[in-house]
């Protein structure tokens, strides 16, 4: 089973990283790096929900459009969106025009504000779900017990489009887990950054 592949610069990356400049940049600078900014955490939840059934590359290439459409994923502003905004977004060819996902994003913004009131920040809530750290993976799961539990808790709180698979992708993207393979040149840097994040959070 392939775990890593050589990129255009000869560096070994997780097998999905090489081959496209946007993917390679995302792999090298974002995926797995710990995220502690609330707007970016909210963005990741939303974009992972929009990605369901689509290629992540499609979402990545539309991300700037999503940020413009959803007020840079500021939960306070998005929570105030109304039906006029829904119609505006359904006519925005720069994003994924899916009514259910758009309405879920607006709903989730209100739920994010509730989490901020309860936990202080979204980061405080989400980083409580970081699983015990282990060795580099030999294969990547689509779902885990922790992502299932996180999904269940969010759904209980009223969040939408936060299934277990979506939430595991969110955990990978935001550094709650480090799923870079051992031979990947980025893995050690990601783990070092996660150690700093753990110190900051604890």
N, C-alpha and C. Protein backbone atom coordinates (compact mmCIF):
# COMPACT_ATOMS: atom_id res chain seq x y z
N UNK A 1 0.85 -1.20 0.00
CA UNK A 1 0.00 0.00 0.00
C UNK A 1 0.88 1.24 0.00
N UNK A 2 0.61 2.17 -0.93
CA UNK A 2 1.40 3.39 -1.01
C UNK A 2 1.11 4.30 0.17
N UNK A 3 2.16 4.81 0.81
CA UNK A 3 1.99 5.77 1.90
C UNK A 3 2.56 7.13 1.55
N UNK A 4 3.69 7.16 0.85
CA UNK A 4 4.30 8.42 0.45
C UNK A 4 4.70 8.37 -1.01
N UNK A 5 4.89 9.56 -1.58
CA UNK A 5 5.35 9.67 -2.97
C UNK A 5 6.22 10.90 -3.09
N UNK A 6 7.08 10.89 -4.07
CA UNK A 6 8.01 12.00 -4.28
C UNK A 6 7.32 13.13 -5.02
N UNK A 7 7.51 14.35 -4.50
CA UNK A 7 6.94 15.53 -5.15
C UNK A 7 7.85 16.06 -6.23
N UNK A 8 7.46 17.19 -6.81
CA UNK A 8 8.23 17.77 -7.91
C UNK A 8 9.60 18.22 -7.46
N UNK A 9 9.77 18.47 -6.14
CA UNK A 9 11.06 18.89 -5.61
C UNK A 9 11.86 17.73 -5.03
N UNK A 10 11.35 16.51 -5.18
CA UNK A 10 12.04 15.33 -4.69
C UNK A 10 11.75 14.99 -3.24
N UNK A 11 10.99 15.83 -2.54
CA UNK A 11 10.65 15.55 -1.15
C UNK A 11 9.54 14.51 -1.08
N UNK A 12 9.61 13.66 -0.05
CA UNK A 12 8.61 12.63 0.13
C UNK A 12 7.42 13.19 0.89
N UNK A 13 6.25 13.03 0.30
CA UNK A 13 5.01 13.52 0.90
C UNK A 13 4.00 12.38 0.99
N UNK A 14 3.00 12.57 1.85
CA UNK A 14 1.89 11.63 1.88
C UNK A 14 1.37 11.45 0.46
N UNK A 15 0.98 10.25 0.12
CA UNK A 15 0.73 9.87 -1.27
C UNK A 15 -0.21 10.81 -2.01
N UNK A 16 -1.14 11.45 -1.29
CA UNK A 16 -2.11 12.31 -1.97
C UNK A 16 -1.57 13.72 -2.23
N UNK A 17 -0.43 14.08 -1.63
CA UNK A 17 0.08 15.44 -1.73
C UNK A 17 0.67 15.81 -3.07
N UNK A 18 1.57 15.00 -3.64
CA UNK A 18 2.21 15.39 -4.90
C UNK A 18 1.25 15.32 -6.08
N UNK A 19 1.64 16.02 -7.14
CA UNK A 19 0.91 15.91 -8.39
C UNK A 19 0.07 17.13 -8.74
N UNK A 20 -0.23 17.96 -7.76
CA UNK A 20 -0.98 19.18 -8.01
C UNK A 20 -0.42 20.26 -7.10
N UNK A 21 -0.15 21.43 -7.66
CA UNK A 21 0.50 22.49 -6.89
C UNK A 21 -0.35 22.94 -5.70
N UNK A 22 -1.68 23.01 -5.88
CA UNK A 22 -2.55 23.43 -4.78
C UNK A 22 -2.58 22.41 -3.67
N UNK A 23 -2.67 21.14 -4.04
CA UNK A 23 -2.64 20.07 -3.04
C UNK A 23 -1.30 20.04 -2.31
N UNK A 24 -0.22 20.18 -3.07
CA UNK A 24 1.11 20.10 -2.48
C UNK A 24 1.31 21.23 -1.47
N UNK A 25 0.89 22.42 -1.81
CA UNK A 25 1.00 23.56 -0.90
C UNK A 25 0.14 23.35 0.35
N UNK A 26 -1.07 22.86 0.15
CA UNK A 26 -1.97 22.59 1.27
C UNK A 26 -1.37 21.53 2.19
N UNK A 27 -0.84 20.47 1.60
CA UNK A 27 -0.21 19.40 2.37
C UNK A 27 0.97 19.92 3.19
N UNK A 28 1.79 20.76 2.57
CA UNK A 28 3.04 21.20 3.19
C UNK A 28 2.85 22.27 4.26
N UNK A 29 1.77 23.05 4.16
CA UNK A 29 1.66 24.22 5.03
C UNK A 29 0.41 24.26 5.90
N UNK A 30 -0.57 23.40 5.65
CA UNK A 30 -1.81 23.47 6.41
C UNK A 30 -2.26 22.15 7.01
N UNK A 31 -2.34 21.11 6.19
CA UNK A 31 -2.96 19.86 6.64
C UNK A 31 -2.20 19.27 7.83
N UNK A 32 -2.89 19.12 8.92
CA UNK A 32 -2.27 18.54 10.11
C UNK A 32 -1.64 19.55 11.05
N UNK A 33 -1.40 20.77 10.56
CA UNK A 33 -0.84 21.80 11.43
C UNK A 33 -1.91 22.25 12.41
N UNK A 34 -1.58 22.36 13.70
CA UNK A 34 -2.61 22.67 14.70
C UNK A 34 -3.22 24.05 14.50
N UNK A 35 -4.52 24.10 14.57
CA UNK A 35 -5.25 25.34 14.36
C UNK A 35 -5.93 25.76 15.67
N UNK A 36 -5.70 26.99 16.08
CA UNK A 36 -6.30 27.47 17.31
C UNK A 36 -7.14 28.72 17.13
N UNK A 37 -7.28 29.19 15.88
CA UNK A 37 -8.07 30.39 15.60
C UNK A 37 -9.53 29.99 15.36
N UNK A 38 -10.44 30.66 16.06
CA UNK A 38 -11.84 30.24 16.01
C UNK A 38 -12.45 30.38 14.62
N UNK A 39 -12.16 31.46 13.90
CA UNK A 39 -12.73 31.61 12.57
C UNK A 39 -12.25 30.51 11.63
N UNK A 40 -10.96 30.16 11.75
CA UNK A 40 -10.43 29.12 10.88
C UNK A 40 -10.97 27.74 11.27
N UNK A 41 -11.19 27.51 12.54
CA UNK A 41 -11.80 26.24 12.96
C UNK A 41 -13.22 26.14 12.44
N UNK A 42 -13.97 27.24 12.56
CA UNK A 42 -15.33 27.24 12.03
C UNK A 42 -15.31 27.03 10.52
N UNK A 43 -14.37 27.68 9.85
CA UNK A 43 -14.23 27.50 8.41
C UNK A 43 -14.00 26.03 8.06
N UNK A 44 -13.10 25.38 8.79
CA UNK A 44 -12.78 23.99 8.49
C UNK A 44 -14.00 23.09 8.65
N UNK A 45 -14.78 23.31 9.72
CA UNK A 45 -15.99 22.51 9.91
C UNK A 45 -16.92 22.71 8.71
N UNK A 46 -17.12 23.96 8.33
CA UNK A 46 -18.04 24.27 7.23
C UNK A 46 -17.57 23.70 5.91
N UNK A 47 -16.29 23.90 5.59
CA UNK A 47 -15.78 23.45 4.29
C UNK A 47 -15.73 21.93 4.21
N UNK A 48 -15.45 21.26 5.32
CA UNK A 48 -15.51 19.80 5.30
C UNK A 48 -16.94 19.33 5.03
N UNK A 49 -17.91 20.07 5.56
CA UNK A 49 -19.31 19.75 5.27
C UNK A 49 -19.64 19.98 3.81
N UNK A 50 -19.18 21.09 3.24
CA UNK A 50 -19.40 21.36 1.81
C UNK A 50 -18.72 20.31 0.94
N UNK A 51 -17.61 19.77 1.42
CA UNK A 51 -16.83 18.81 0.62
C UNK A 51 -17.55 17.47 0.47
N UNK A 52 -18.47 17.15 1.36
CA UNK A 52 -19.12 15.84 1.34
C UNK A 52 -19.64 15.51 -0.07
N UNK A 53 -19.15 14.41 -0.61
CA UNK A 53 -19.54 13.98 -1.94
C UNK A 53 -18.74 14.61 -3.06
N UNK A 54 -17.78 15.46 -2.72
CA UNK A 54 -16.97 16.16 -3.72
C UNK A 54 -15.49 15.96 -3.44
N UNK A 55 -14.67 16.39 -4.37
CA UNK A 55 -13.22 16.39 -4.18
C UNK A 55 -12.82 17.55 -3.29
N UNK A 56 -11.86 17.31 -2.36
CA UNK A 56 -11.37 18.41 -1.54
C UNK A 56 -10.69 19.46 -2.40
N UNK A 57 -10.08 19.05 -3.50
CA UNK A 57 -9.42 20.01 -4.38
C UNK A 57 -10.43 21.03 -4.92
N UNK A 58 -11.64 20.57 -5.19
CA UNK A 58 -12.69 21.48 -5.64
C UNK A 58 -12.95 22.56 -4.60
N UNK A 59 -13.04 22.15 -3.34
CA UNK A 59 -13.29 23.09 -2.25
C UNK A 59 -12.09 24.02 -2.07
N UNK A 60 -10.90 23.45 -2.12
CA UNK A 60 -9.68 24.23 -1.91
C UNK A 60 -9.57 25.36 -2.93
N UNK A 61 -9.90 25.06 -4.17
CA UNK A 61 -9.78 26.06 -5.22
C UNK A 61 -10.89 27.12 -5.15
N UNK A 62 -11.94 26.84 -4.39
CA UNK A 62 -13.02 27.81 -4.21
C UNK A 62 -12.96 28.48 -2.83
N UNK A 63 -11.94 28.20 -2.06
CA UNK A 63 -11.92 28.66 -0.67
C UNK A 63 -11.99 30.17 -0.55
N UNK A 64 -11.27 30.89 -1.36
CA UNK A 64 -11.34 32.35 -1.30
C UNK A 64 -12.75 32.85 -1.57
N UNK A 65 -13.43 32.20 -2.49
CA UNK A 65 -14.82 32.57 -2.78
C UNK A 65 -15.72 32.28 -1.58
N UNK A 66 -15.50 31.14 -0.93
CA UNK A 66 -16.26 30.81 0.27
C UNK A 66 -16.02 31.86 1.36
N UNK A 67 -14.78 32.26 1.53
CA UNK A 67 -14.47 33.25 2.57
C UNK A 67 -15.16 34.57 2.29
N UNK A 68 -15.20 34.96 1.03
CA UNK A 68 -15.89 36.20 0.67
C UNK A 68 -17.40 36.05 0.89
N UNK A 69 -17.93 34.90 0.55
CA UNK A 69 -19.38 34.68 0.65
C UNK A 69 -19.85 34.59 2.09
N UNK A 70 -19.00 34.05 2.97
CA UNK A 70 -19.39 33.80 4.36
C UNK A 70 -18.60 34.66 5.34
N UNK A 71 -18.34 35.91 4.96
CA UNK A 71 -17.76 36.90 5.89
C UNK A 71 -16.51 36.39 6.59
N UNK A 72 -15.64 35.73 5.83
CA UNK A 72 -14.41 35.16 6.38
C UNK A 72 -14.69 34.18 7.51
N UNK A 73 -15.87 33.57 7.46
CA UNK A 73 -16.29 32.57 8.43
C UNK A 73 -16.25 33.11 9.86
N UNK A 74 -16.69 34.34 10.00
CA UNK A 74 -16.90 34.94 11.31
C UNK A 74 -18.26 34.47 11.82
N UNK A 75 -18.31 33.61 12.84
CA UNK A 75 -19.61 33.07 13.27
C UNK A 75 -20.62 34.14 13.65
N UNK A 76 -20.15 35.23 14.25
CA UNK A 76 -21.06 36.29 14.67
C UNK A 76 -21.80 36.87 13.48
N UNK A 77 -21.10 37.09 12.40
CA UNK A 77 -21.71 37.68 11.20
C UNK A 77 -22.56 36.66 10.45
N UNK A 78 -22.06 35.44 10.31
CA UNK A 78 -22.80 34.43 9.55
C UNK A 78 -24.09 34.04 10.26
N UNK A 79 -24.07 34.04 11.59
CA UNK A 79 -25.27 33.68 12.35
C UNK A 79 -26.42 34.64 12.07
N UNK A 80 -26.10 35.85 11.60
CA UNK A 80 -27.13 36.85 11.32
C UNK A 80 -27.64 36.80 9.88
N UNK A 81 -27.14 35.86 9.08
CA UNK A 81 -27.61 35.73 7.71
C UNK A 81 -29.09 35.32 7.71
N UNK A 82 -29.82 35.87 6.76
CA UNK A 82 -31.23 35.55 6.62
C UNK A 82 -31.53 34.95 5.26
N UNK A 83 -32.81 34.89 4.93
CA UNK A 83 -33.22 34.26 3.68
C UNK A 83 -32.69 35.02 2.46
N UNK A 84 -32.54 36.33 2.57
CA UNK A 84 -31.95 37.08 1.45
C UNK A 84 -30.51 36.63 1.19
N UNK A 85 -29.80 36.33 2.26
CA UNK A 85 -28.42 35.85 2.11
C UNK A 85 -28.40 34.46 1.50
N UNK A 86 -29.35 33.63 1.90
CA UNK A 86 -29.43 32.29 1.31
C UNK A 86 -29.64 32.40 -0.19
N UNK A 87 -30.56 33.25 -0.61
CA UNK A 87 -30.79 33.44 -2.06
C UNK A 87 -29.54 33.97 -2.75
N UNK A 88 -28.87 34.92 -2.09
CA UNK A 88 -27.62 35.45 -2.66
C UNK A 88 -26.59 34.35 -2.85
N UNK A 89 -26.45 33.51 -1.86
CA UNK A 89 -25.45 32.44 -1.93
C UNK A 89 -25.82 31.37 -2.95
N UNK A 90 -27.11 31.12 -3.10
CA UNK A 90 -27.54 30.15 -4.10
C UNK A 90 -27.27 30.64 -5.52
N UNK A 91 -27.07 31.94 -5.68
CA UNK A 91 -26.76 32.51 -6.98
C UNK A 91 -25.27 32.80 -7.16
N UNK A 92 -24.46 32.39 -6.18
CA UNK A 92 -23.02 32.65 -6.21
C UNK A 92 -22.32 31.46 -6.86
N UNK A 93 -21.92 31.62 -8.12
CA UNK A 93 -21.28 30.53 -8.85
C UNK A 93 -19.89 30.20 -8.33
N UNK A 94 -19.35 31.05 -7.45
CA UNK A 94 -18.01 30.81 -6.94
C UNK A 94 -17.95 29.81 -5.81
N UNK A 95 -19.11 29.40 -5.27
CA UNK A 95 -19.14 28.43 -4.18
C UNK A 95 -19.96 27.22 -4.61
N UNK A 96 -20.15 26.28 -3.70
CA UNK A 96 -21.02 25.13 -3.94
C UNK A 96 -22.44 25.56 -3.59
N UNK A 97 -23.32 25.60 -4.60
CA UNK A 97 -24.67 26.13 -4.40
C UNK A 97 -25.62 25.01 -3.98
N UNK A 98 -25.51 24.63 -2.73
CA UNK A 98 -26.31 23.55 -2.16
C UNK A 98 -27.09 24.14 -0.99
N UNK A 99 -28.40 24.25 -1.13
CA UNK A 99 -29.21 24.93 -0.12
C UNK A 99 -29.01 24.33 1.27
N UNK A 100 -29.01 23.00 1.35
CA UNK A 100 -28.88 22.36 2.66
C UNK A 100 -27.57 22.70 3.34
N UNK A 101 -26.49 22.72 2.57
CA UNK A 101 -25.17 23.02 3.14
C UNK A 101 -25.04 24.50 3.50
N UNK A 102 -25.64 25.36 2.69
CA UNK A 102 -25.62 26.79 3.01
C UNK A 102 -26.40 27.05 4.29
N UNK A 103 -27.59 26.47 4.39
CA UNK A 103 -28.39 26.67 5.59
C UNK A 103 -27.72 26.04 6.81
N UNK A 104 -27.03 24.93 6.61
CA UNK A 104 -26.30 24.30 7.72
C UNK A 104 -25.19 25.21 8.22
N UNK A 105 -24.52 25.90 7.31
CA UNK A 105 -23.44 26.81 7.71
C UNK A 105 -23.98 27.95 8.57
N UNK A 106 -25.13 28.49 8.18
CA UNK A 106 -25.74 29.56 8.97
C UNK A 106 -26.18 29.04 10.33
N UNK A 107 -26.81 27.88 10.33
CA UNK A 107 -27.20 27.25 11.59
C UNK A 107 -25.98 26.99 12.48
N UNK A 108 -24.92 26.46 11.87
CA UNK A 108 -23.74 26.10 12.65
C UNK A 108 -23.03 27.33 13.22
N UNK A 109 -23.18 28.47 12.55
CA UNK A 109 -22.60 29.70 13.09
C UNK A 109 -23.25 30.05 14.42
N UNK A 110 -24.57 29.90 14.50
CA UNK A 110 -25.26 30.15 15.77
C UNK A 110 -24.85 29.14 16.83
N UNK A 111 -24.67 27.90 16.42
CA UNK A 111 -24.24 26.86 17.36
C UNK A 111 -22.79 27.12 17.82
N UNK A 112 -21.97 27.68 16.92
CA UNK A 112 -20.59 28.01 17.29
C UNK A 112 -20.57 29.10 18.35
N UNK A 113 -21.45 30.07 18.23
CA UNK A 113 -21.53 31.12 19.25
C UNK A 113 -21.92 30.54 20.60
N UNK A 114 -22.77 29.54 20.58
CA UNK A 114 -23.16 28.87 21.83
C UNK A 114 -21.96 28.16 22.46
N UNK A 115 -21.15 27.51 21.62
CA UNK A 115 -19.95 26.86 22.14
C UNK A 115 -18.98 27.89 22.71
N UNK A 116 -18.84 29.01 22.04
CA UNK A 116 -17.95 30.05 22.55
C UNK A 116 -18.42 30.57 23.90
N UNK A 117 -19.72 30.71 24.07
CA UNK A 117 -20.23 31.17 25.36
C UNK A 117 -19.99 30.13 26.45
N UNK A 118 -20.08 28.85 26.07
CA UNK A 118 -19.92 27.78 27.07
C UNK A 118 -18.46 27.50 27.39
N UNK A 119 -17.60 27.50 26.36
CA UNK A 119 -16.21 27.07 26.55
C UNK A 119 -15.20 28.21 26.45
N UNK A 120 -15.66 29.39 26.11
CA UNK A 120 -14.75 30.52 25.95
C UNK A 120 -14.31 30.70 24.51
N UNK A 121 -13.88 29.62 23.87
CA UNK A 121 -13.47 29.63 22.46
C UNK A 121 -13.84 28.30 21.82
N UNK A 122 -13.94 28.30 20.50
CA UNK A 122 -14.12 27.04 19.79
C UNK A 122 -12.90 26.14 19.98
N UNK A 123 -11.72 26.76 20.02
CA UNK A 123 -10.49 25.98 20.20
C UNK A 123 -10.54 25.20 21.50
N UNK A 124 -11.02 25.82 22.56
CA UNK A 124 -11.09 25.13 23.85
C UNK A 124 -11.99 23.90 23.75
N UNK A 125 -13.09 24.04 23.02
CA UNK A 125 -13.98 22.89 22.85
C UNK A 125 -13.33 21.81 22.00
N UNK A 126 -12.89 22.16 20.81
CA UNK A 126 -12.42 21.14 19.88
C UNK A 126 -11.14 20.46 20.36
N UNK A 127 -10.23 21.22 20.98
CA UNK A 127 -8.99 20.58 21.42
C UNK A 127 -9.18 19.64 22.60
N UNK A 128 -10.33 19.69 23.25
CA UNK A 128 -10.66 18.68 24.26
C UNK A 128 -10.88 17.31 23.63
N UNK A 129 -11.07 17.27 22.32
CA UNK A 129 -11.31 16.01 21.61
C UNK A 129 -10.03 15.43 21.01
N UNK A 130 -8.90 16.02 21.29
CA UNK A 130 -7.65 15.45 20.78
C UNK A 130 -7.42 14.08 21.40
N UNK A 131 -7.28 13.04 20.58
CA UNK A 131 -7.04 11.69 21.13
C UNK A 131 -5.61 11.55 21.63
N UNK A 132 -5.37 10.47 22.34
CA UNK A 132 -4.03 10.18 22.82
C UNK A 132 -3.08 10.06 21.63
N UNK A 133 -1.91 10.65 21.77
CA UNK A 133 -0.95 10.65 20.66
C UNK A 133 -0.25 9.31 20.56
N UNK A 134 0.00 8.90 19.32
CA UNK A 134 0.66 7.63 19.09
C UNK A 134 1.69 7.74 17.99
N UNK A 135 2.18 6.63 17.51
CA UNK A 135 3.19 6.64 16.44
C UNK A 135 2.58 7.06 15.11
N UNK A 136 3.43 7.26 14.13
CA UNK A 136 2.97 7.61 12.79
C UNK A 136 2.05 6.51 12.26
N UNK A 137 1.01 6.88 11.53
CA UNK A 137 0.08 5.88 11.02
C UNK A 137 0.70 5.04 9.92
N UNK A 138 0.19 3.83 9.78
CA UNK A 138 0.56 2.98 8.65
C UNK A 138 -0.58 2.93 7.64
N UNK A 139 -1.76 3.32 8.07
CA UNK A 139 -2.90 3.50 7.19
C UNK A 139 -3.81 4.56 7.80
N UNK A 140 -4.63 5.18 6.98
CA UNK A 140 -5.45 6.30 7.42
C UNK A 140 -6.91 5.84 7.49
N UNK A 141 -7.53 5.91 8.65
CA UNK A 141 -8.94 5.53 8.76
C UNK A 141 -9.84 6.63 8.20
N UNK A 142 -11.06 6.26 7.87
CA UNK A 142 -12.04 7.25 7.45
C UNK A 142 -12.83 7.78 8.62
N UNK A 143 -12.86 7.02 9.69
CA UNK A 143 -13.64 7.38 10.87
C UNK A 143 -13.01 6.70 12.08
N UNK A 144 -13.14 7.30 13.24
CA UNK A 144 -12.62 6.72 14.48
C UNK A 144 -13.67 6.83 15.57
N UNK A 145 -13.39 6.17 16.70
CA UNK A 145 -14.31 6.28 17.83
C UNK A 145 -14.43 7.73 18.30
N UNK A 146 -13.30 8.46 18.28
CA UNK A 146 -13.33 9.84 18.74
C UNK A 146 -14.13 10.71 17.78
N UNK A 147 -13.93 10.54 16.48
CA UNK A 147 -14.68 11.36 15.53
C UNK A 147 -16.18 11.04 15.60
N UNK A 148 -16.49 9.80 15.88
CA UNK A 148 -17.89 9.41 16.05
C UNK A 148 -18.50 10.08 17.27
N UNK A 149 -17.73 10.10 18.37
CA UNK A 149 -18.22 10.73 19.60
C UNK A 149 -18.34 12.24 19.42
N UNK A 150 -17.37 12.85 18.73
CA UNK A 150 -17.43 14.29 18.46
C UNK A 150 -18.64 14.62 17.61
N UNK A 151 -18.87 13.83 16.56
CA UNK A 151 -20.03 14.02 15.71
C UNK A 151 -21.33 13.93 16.51
N UNK A 152 -21.41 12.95 17.36
CA UNK A 152 -22.61 12.76 18.17
C UNK A 152 -22.84 13.95 19.10
N UNK A 153 -21.77 14.46 19.69
CA UNK A 153 -21.90 15.58 20.61
C UNK A 153 -22.34 16.84 19.87
N UNK A 154 -21.74 17.09 18.69
CA UNK A 154 -22.13 18.26 17.92
C UNK A 154 -23.58 18.17 17.44
N UNK A 155 -23.98 17.00 16.99
CA UNK A 155 -25.37 16.83 16.55
C UNK A 155 -26.33 17.06 17.71
N UNK A 156 -25.96 16.60 18.88
CA UNK A 156 -26.80 16.83 20.07
C UNK A 156 -26.94 18.32 20.35
N UNK A 157 -25.90 19.07 19.99
CA UNK A 157 -25.92 20.53 20.20
C UNK A 157 -26.57 21.27 19.03
N UNK A 158 -27.03 20.53 18.03
CA UNK A 158 -27.78 21.14 16.93
C UNK A 158 -27.00 21.42 15.66
N UNK A 159 -25.73 20.98 15.59
CA UNK A 159 -24.93 21.19 14.39
C UNK A 159 -25.42 20.28 13.26
N UNK A 160 -25.20 20.72 12.02
CA UNK A 160 -25.60 19.97 10.83
C UNK A 160 -24.37 19.67 9.96
N UNK A 161 -24.46 18.61 9.16
CA UNK A 161 -23.39 18.18 8.25
C UNK A 161 -22.09 17.97 9.02
N UNK A 162 -22.19 17.26 10.13
CA UNK A 162 -21.01 16.98 10.95
C UNK A 162 -20.97 15.48 11.27
N UNK A 163 -21.10 14.65 10.24
CA UNK A 163 -21.04 13.21 10.43
C UNK A 163 -19.65 12.75 10.85
N UNK A 164 -19.52 11.50 11.30
CA UNK A 164 -18.24 10.99 11.81
C UNK A 164 -17.09 11.08 10.81
N UNK A 165 -17.36 10.80 9.53
CA UNK A 165 -16.30 10.88 8.52
C UNK A 165 -15.88 12.33 8.30
N UNK A 166 -16.86 13.22 8.23
CA UNK A 166 -16.57 14.65 8.08
C UNK A 166 -15.76 15.15 9.26
N UNK A 167 -16.10 14.70 10.46
CA UNK A 167 -15.39 15.19 11.64
C UNK A 167 -13.99 14.60 11.73
N UNK A 168 -13.78 13.40 11.20
CA UNK A 168 -12.40 12.91 11.21
C UNK A 168 -11.55 13.69 10.22
N UNK A 169 -12.12 14.03 9.06
CA UNK A 169 -11.39 14.88 8.12
C UNK A 169 -11.07 16.24 8.76
N UNK A 170 -12.00 16.77 9.54
CA UNK A 170 -11.77 18.01 10.27
C UNK A 170 -10.62 17.84 11.27
N UNK A 171 -10.61 16.74 11.99
CA UNK A 171 -9.54 16.48 12.97
C UNK A 171 -8.18 16.40 12.29
N UNK A 172 -8.14 15.75 11.14
CA UNK A 172 -6.89 15.67 10.39
C UNK A 172 -6.44 17.06 9.91
N UNK A 173 -7.38 17.82 9.39
CA UNK A 173 -7.05 19.12 8.79
C UNK A 173 -6.56 20.12 9.83
N UNK A 174 -7.09 20.03 11.05
CA UNK A 174 -6.80 21.03 12.07
C UNK A 174 -5.73 20.58 13.07
N UNK A 175 -5.14 19.41 12.85
CA UNK A 175 -4.05 18.98 13.71
C UNK A 175 -4.46 18.28 14.99
N UNK A 176 -5.74 18.00 15.16
CA UNK A 176 -6.14 17.21 16.33
C UNK A 176 -5.52 15.82 16.27
N UNK A 177 -5.23 15.37 15.07
CA UNK A 177 -4.43 14.17 14.85
C UNK A 177 -3.36 14.51 13.82
N UNK A 178 -2.26 13.81 13.86
CA UNK A 178 -1.20 13.98 12.87
C UNK A 178 -1.16 12.73 12.01
N UNK A 179 -1.83 12.79 10.87
CA UNK A 179 -1.90 11.63 9.99
C UNK A 179 -0.90 11.70 8.84
N UNK A 180 0.12 12.53 8.97
CA UNK A 180 1.23 12.45 8.02
C UNK A 180 1.98 11.15 8.29
N UNK A 181 2.31 10.44 7.23
CA UNK A 181 3.04 9.18 7.39
C UNK A 181 4.47 9.44 7.87
N UNK A 182 5.06 8.42 8.44
CA UNK A 182 6.38 8.58 9.05
C UNK A 182 7.45 9.04 8.08
N UNK A 183 7.35 8.63 6.82
CA UNK A 183 8.36 8.99 5.82
C UNK A 183 8.12 10.36 5.22
N UNK A 184 6.99 10.99 5.56
CA UNK A 184 6.65 12.30 4.99
C UNK A 184 7.52 13.38 5.62
N UNK A 185 8.05 14.26 4.80
CA UNK A 185 9.00 15.27 5.29
C UNK A 185 8.34 16.29 6.22
N UNK A 186 7.03 16.40 6.19
CA UNK A 186 6.31 17.39 6.99
C UNK A 186 5.99 16.88 8.39
N UNK A 187 5.98 15.56 8.59
CA UNK A 187 5.43 15.00 9.82
C UNK A 187 6.10 15.56 11.09
N UNK A 188 7.41 15.62 11.12
CA UNK A 188 8.11 16.05 12.35
C UNK A 188 7.79 17.51 12.68
N UNK A 189 7.70 18.35 11.66
CA UNK A 189 7.36 19.75 11.91
C UNK A 189 5.94 19.87 12.46
N UNK A 190 5.02 19.11 11.90
CA UNK A 190 3.64 19.12 12.39
C UNK A 190 3.60 18.69 13.85
N UNK A 191 4.33 17.65 14.17
CA UNK A 191 4.30 17.14 15.54
C UNK A 191 4.90 18.17 16.51
N UNK A 192 5.94 18.86 16.09
CA UNK A 192 6.53 19.90 16.93
C UNK A 192 5.53 21.03 17.16
N UNK A 193 4.80 21.41 16.13
CA UNK A 193 3.80 22.47 16.26
C UNK A 193 2.66 22.01 17.18
N UNK A 194 2.30 20.76 17.08
CA UNK A 194 1.23 20.23 17.93
C UNK A 194 1.66 20.22 19.39
N UNK A 195 2.94 20.00 19.64
CA UNK A 195 3.44 20.03 21.02
C UNK A 195 3.31 21.44 21.60
N UNK A 196 3.60 22.44 20.78
CA UNK A 196 3.43 23.83 21.22
C UNK A 196 1.96 24.12 21.48
N UNK A 197 1.07 23.65 20.59
CA UNK A 197 -0.36 23.86 20.77
C UNK A 197 -0.85 23.23 22.07
N UNK A 198 -0.35 22.03 22.36
CA UNK A 198 -0.75 21.35 23.59
C UNK A 198 -0.33 22.15 24.81
N UNK A 199 0.88 22.71 24.76
CA UNK A 199 1.37 23.52 25.87
C UNK A 199 0.52 24.77 26.06
N UNK A 200 0.16 25.39 24.92
CA UNK A 200 -0.66 26.60 24.98
C UNK A 200 -2.04 26.30 25.54
N UNK A 201 -2.62 25.17 25.15
CA UNK A 201 -3.99 24.84 25.55
C UNK A 201 -4.07 24.35 26.99
N UNK A 202 -2.98 23.73 27.45
CA UNK A 202 -3.02 23.13 28.79
C UNK A 202 -2.48 24.09 29.83
